Amino acid sequence: MNVEPDGVGGRPACIGDVCITCSDTAVEVRVLRLLEDQMAVVDAGAGEETVSVALVNAGVGDRILVHAREAIAVVGAPALETGTPGAGP
């Protein structure tokens, strides 16, 4: 796979229509908006990316782990981070 330096978090950036990671590392991103077909626009730190959220129950503002443009886990929700009473799993 061809890579360029200066990717997200200092990791190499992928070229073309491929994953936002070039290794076996998931990247933590924040969901900016939900799209049709179980897709979402996320803040990847170096810009916006479109990823699949088909495998997780993510909402706007959630922090998710993404690998190969697929969300694999929700690691934080806005209500949980602010300590909103009654928020929880």
N, C-alpha and C. Protein backbone atom coordinates (compact mmCIF):
# COMPACT_ATOMS: atom_id res chain seq x y z
N MET A 1 0.85 -1.18 0.00
CA MET A 1 0.00 0.00 0.00
C MET A 1 0.89 1.23 0.00
N ASN A 2 0.56 2.19 -0.83
CA ASN A 2 1.29 3.45 -0.86
C ASN A 2 0.80 4.34 0.27
N VAL A 3 1.74 4.96 0.96
CA VAL A 3 1.36 5.86 2.05
C VAL A 3 2.11 7.17 1.92
N GLU A 4 1.54 8.19 2.52
CA GLU A 4 2.16 9.50 2.60
C GLU A 4 2.42 9.80 4.06
N PRO A 5 3.48 10.55 4.39
CA PRO A 5 3.69 10.95 5.79
C PRO A 5 2.62 11.96 6.20
N ASP A 6 2.58 12.28 7.47
CA ASP A 6 1.69 13.30 8.01
C ASP A 6 0.22 12.89 8.01
N GLY A 7 -0.05 11.65 8.35
CA GLY A 7 -1.42 11.19 8.48
C GLY A 7 -1.97 11.55 9.84
N VAL A 8 -3.12 11.02 10.19
CA VAL A 8 -3.77 11.27 11.47
C VAL A 8 -2.85 10.85 12.60
N GLY A 9 -2.61 11.72 13.55
CA GLY A 9 -1.78 11.40 14.71
C GLY A 9 -0.33 11.11 14.36
N GLY A 10 0.15 11.63 13.22
CA GLY A 10 1.53 11.40 12.82
C GLY A 10 1.76 10.08 12.12
N ARG A 11 0.69 9.26 12.00
CA ARG A 11 0.80 8.00 11.28
C ARG A 11 0.73 8.28 9.79
N PRO A 12 1.20 7.38 8.95
CA PRO A 12 1.10 7.59 7.51
C PRO A 12 -0.35 7.74 7.07
N ALA A 13 -0.58 8.58 6.08
CA ALA A 13 -1.92 8.77 5.53
C ALA A 13 -2.11 7.83 4.36
N CYS A 14 -3.27 7.23 4.26
CA CYS A 14 -3.56 6.33 3.14
C CYS A 14 -3.86 7.15 1.90
N ILE A 15 -3.61 6.56 0.76
CA ILE A 15 -3.88 7.20 -0.52
C ILE A 15 -5.07 6.52 -1.15
N GLY A 16 -5.98 7.29 -1.73
CA GLY A 16 -7.11 6.70 -2.42
C GLY A 16 -8.25 6.38 -1.47
N ASP A 17 -9.16 5.55 -1.94
CA ASP A 17 -10.35 5.21 -1.19
C ASP A 17 -10.09 4.00 -0.31
N VAL A 18 -9.26 4.18 0.71
CA VAL A 18 -8.91 3.10 1.63
C VAL A 18 -9.07 3.56 3.06
N CYS A 19 -8.68 2.73 4.02
CA CYS A 19 -8.90 3.02 5.43
C CYS A 19 -8.16 4.27 5.91
N ILE A 20 -8.63 4.81 7.05
CA ILE A 20 -7.97 5.98 7.64
C ILE A 20 -6.78 5.56 8.49
N THR A 21 -6.57 4.26 8.63
CA THR A 21 -5.40 3.74 9.32
C THR A 21 -4.62 2.84 8.38
N CYS A 22 -3.34 2.80 8.55
CA CYS A 22 -2.51 1.96 7.68
C CYS A 22 -1.84 0.85 8.47
N SER A 23 -2.36 0.57 9.65
CA SER A 23 -1.81 -0.50 10.47
C SER A 23 -2.97 -1.20 11.16
N ASP A 24 -2.67 -2.03 12.12
CA ASP A 24 -3.71 -2.73 12.86
C ASP A 24 -4.16 -1.93 14.07
N THR A 25 -4.12 -0.62 13.99
CA THR A 25 -4.49 0.26 15.08
C THR A 25 -5.81 0.94 14.80
N ALA A 26 -6.73 0.89 15.75
CA ALA A 26 -7.98 1.64 15.62
C ALA A 26 -7.72 3.08 16.03
N VAL A 27 -8.45 3.99 15.42
CA VAL A 27 -8.29 5.42 15.69
C VAL A 27 -9.55 5.92 16.38
N GLU A 28 -9.37 6.69 17.46
CA GLU A 28 -10.52 7.28 18.16
C GLU A 28 -10.91 8.57 17.45
N VAL A 29 -12.19 8.68 17.10
CA VAL A 29 -12.72 9.85 16.40
C VAL A 29 -14.04 10.25 17.04
N ARG A 30 -14.54 11.44 16.70
CA ARG A 30 -15.83 11.91 17.23
C ARG A 30 -16.84 12.00 16.09
N VAL A 31 -18.04 11.50 16.34
CA VAL A 31 -19.11 11.53 15.33
C VAL A 31 -19.64 12.97 15.21
N LEU A 32 -19.59 13.51 14.00
CA LEU A 32 -20.09 14.86 13.74
C LEU A 32 -21.53 14.85 13.27
N ARG A 33 -21.86 13.91 12.38
CA ARG A 33 -23.24 13.78 11.92
C ARG A 33 -23.46 12.39 11.34
N LEU A 34 -24.70 11.93 11.44
CA LEU A 34 -25.09 10.63 10.90
C LEU A 34 -25.63 10.81 9.49
N LEU A 35 -25.33 9.86 8.62
CA LEU A 35 -25.78 9.87 7.23
C LEU A 35 -26.69 8.67 6.99
N GLU A 36 -27.22 8.57 5.79
CA GLU A 36 -28.02 7.42 5.41
C GLU A 36 -27.14 6.18 5.33
N ASP A 37 -27.77 5.04 5.26
CA ASP A 37 -27.08 3.75 5.04
C ASP A 37 -26.05 3.43 6.12
N GLN A 38 -26.34 3.80 7.37
CA GLN A 38 -25.49 3.49 8.52
C GLN A 38 -24.06 4.02 8.36
N MET A 39 -23.96 5.23 7.84
CA MET A 39 -22.68 5.91 7.68
C MET A 39 -22.67 7.15 8.57
N ALA A 40 -21.47 7.65 8.86
CA ALA A 40 -21.34 8.85 9.68
C ALA A 40 -20.13 9.66 9.22
N VAL A 41 -20.21 10.96 9.40
CA VAL A 41 -19.07 11.83 9.19
C VAL A 41 -18.43 12.03 10.55
N VAL A 42 -17.11 11.82 10.63
CA VAL A 42 -16.39 11.91 11.89
C VAL A 42 -15.25 12.91 11.79
N ASP A 43 -14.84 13.44 12.94
CA ASP A 43 -13.65 14.28 13.04
C ASP A 43 -12.49 13.36 13.34
N ALA A 44 -11.58 13.21 12.37
CA ALA A 44 -10.44 12.31 12.53
C ALA A 44 -9.19 13.06 12.99
N GLY A 45 -9.33 14.30 13.41
CA GLY A 45 -8.19 15.05 13.89
C GLY A 45 -7.50 15.85 12.81
N ALA A 46 -7.35 15.27 11.63
CA ALA A 46 -6.72 15.95 10.51
C ALA A 46 -7.75 16.29 9.44
N GLY A 47 -9.02 16.20 9.79
CA GLY A 47 -10.08 16.48 8.83
C GLY A 47 -11.23 15.52 9.03
N GLU A 48 -12.24 15.69 8.21
CA GLU A 48 -13.43 14.84 8.29
C GLU A 48 -13.27 13.60 7.43
N GLU A 49 -13.83 12.49 7.92
CA GLU A 49 -13.84 11.22 7.19
C GLU A 49 -15.25 10.66 7.26
N THR A 50 -15.63 9.86 6.28
CA THR A 50 -16.90 9.15 6.31
C THR A 50 -16.62 7.70 6.64
N VAL A 51 -17.31 7.18 7.66
CA VAL A 51 -17.08 5.81 8.11
C VAL A 51 -18.41 5.10 8.28
N SER A 52 -18.38 3.79 8.33
CA SER A 52 -19.56 2.98 8.60
C SER A 52 -19.76 2.86 10.11
N VAL A 53 -21.02 2.99 10.54
CA VAL A 53 -21.36 2.78 11.95
C VAL A 53 -22.35 1.62 12.07
N ALA A 54 -22.33 0.73 11.08
CA ALA A 54 -23.28 -0.39 11.03
C ALA A 54 -23.11 -1.36 12.19
N LEU A 55 -21.91 -1.48 12.74
CA LEU A 55 -21.65 -2.46 13.79
C LEU A 55 -21.83 -1.92 15.21
N VAL A 56 -22.07 -0.61 15.34
CA VAL A 56 -22.19 0.01 16.67
C VAL A 56 -23.44 0.87 16.74
N ASN A 57 -23.83 1.23 17.95
CA ASN A 57 -24.96 2.12 18.17
C ASN A 57 -24.39 3.49 18.55
N ALA A 58 -23.97 4.26 17.54
CA ALA A 58 -23.31 5.54 17.78
C ALA A 58 -24.24 6.69 17.44
N GLY A 59 -24.06 7.78 18.15
CA GLY A 59 -24.83 8.99 17.90
C GLY A 59 -23.91 10.18 17.75
N VAL A 60 -24.47 11.30 17.36
CA VAL A 60 -23.71 12.53 17.19
C VAL A 60 -23.04 12.89 18.52
N GLY A 61 -21.76 13.18 18.47
CA GLY A 61 -20.99 13.54 19.67
C GLY A 61 -20.26 12.37 20.30
N ASP A 62 -20.66 11.15 19.98
CA ASP A 62 -19.99 9.97 20.54
C ASP A 62 -18.55 9.88 20.05
N ARG A 63 -17.69 9.34 20.91
CA ARG A 63 -16.33 8.98 20.51
C ARG A 63 -16.36 7.51 20.16
N ILE A 64 -15.83 7.17 18.97
CA ILE A 64 -15.84 5.79 18.50
C ILE A 64 -14.44 5.38 18.07
N LEU A 65 -14.19 4.08 18.09
CA LEU A 65 -12.95 3.54 17.55
C LEU A 65 -13.24 3.08 16.13
N VAL A 66 -12.37 3.48 15.18
CA VAL A 66 -12.55 3.15 13.77
C VAL A 66 -11.32 2.42 13.26
N HIS A 67 -11.57 1.35 12.53
CA HIS A 67 -10.50 0.64 11.82
C HIS A 67 -11.03 0.29 10.44
N ALA A 68 -10.25 0.58 9.42
CA ALA A 68 -10.61 0.28 8.03
C ALA A 68 -11.97 0.90 7.68
N ARG A 69 -12.18 2.13 8.13
CA ARG A 69 -13.41 2.89 7.89
C ARG A 69 -14.66 2.23 8.45
N GLU A 70 -14.48 1.40 9.47
CA GLU A 70 -15.59 0.73 10.14
C GLU A 70 -15.50 1.02 11.63
N ALA A 71 -16.57 1.60 12.21
CA ALA A 71 -16.60 1.80 13.66
C ALA A 71 -16.70 0.44 14.33
N ILE A 72 -15.83 0.20 15.30
CA ILE A 72 -15.81 -1.10 15.97
C ILE A 72 -16.19 -1.01 17.44
N ALA A 73 -16.29 0.20 17.99
CA ALA A 73 -16.68 0.35 19.40
C ALA A 73 -17.03 1.81 19.68
N VAL A 74 -17.97 2.01 20.61
CA VAL A 74 -18.26 3.34 21.14
C VAL A 74 -17.50 3.43 22.45
N VAL A 75 -16.64 4.45 22.58
CA VAL A 75 -15.82 4.56 23.79
C VAL A 75 -16.22 5.72 24.68
N GLY A 76 -17.14 6.54 24.21
CA GLY A 76 -17.60 7.65 25.05
C GLY A 76 -18.78 8.34 24.42
N ALA A 77 -19.73 8.71 25.26
CA ALA A 77 -20.92 9.43 24.80
C ALA A 77 -20.96 10.78 25.49
N PRO A 78 -21.49 11.80 24.83
CA PRO A 78 -21.51 13.15 25.42
C PRO A 78 -22.14 13.20 26.81
N ALA A 79 -23.27 12.53 27.04
CA ALA A 79 -23.94 12.56 28.35
C ALA A 79 -23.06 11.94 29.43
N LEU A 80 -22.34 10.88 29.09
CA LEU A 80 -21.46 10.23 30.06
C LEU A 80 -20.28 11.10 30.41
N GLU A 81 -19.74 11.82 29.43
CA GLU A 81 -18.56 12.67 29.65
C GLU A 81 -18.88 13.86 30.51
N THR A 82 -20.11 14.40 30.44
CA THR A 82 -20.45 15.60 31.20
C THR A 82 -20.99 15.26 32.57
N GLY A 83 -21.21 13.97 32.83
CA GLY A 83 -21.74 13.57 34.12
C GLY A 83 -23.21 13.91 34.31
N THR A 84 -23.96 13.96 33.22
CA THR A 84 -25.38 14.27 33.30
C THR A 84 -26.09 13.27 34.19
N PRO A 85 -26.87 13.74 35.18
CA PRO A 85 -27.58 12.82 36.06
C PRO A 85 -28.49 11.90 35.27
N GLY A 86 -28.49 10.64 35.63
CA GLY A 86 -29.33 9.66 34.96
C GLY A 86 -28.70 9.08 33.72
N ALA A 87 -27.54 9.61 33.32
CA ALA A 87 -26.87 9.06 32.13
C ALA A 87 -26.14 7.80 32.51
N GLY A 88 -26.12 6.89 31.61
CA GLY A 88 -25.39 5.67 31.89
C GLY A 88 -25.77 4.60 30.90
N PRO A 89 -25.10 3.45 31.00
CA PRO A 89 -25.35 2.39 30.05
C PRO A 89 -26.75 1.82 30.19
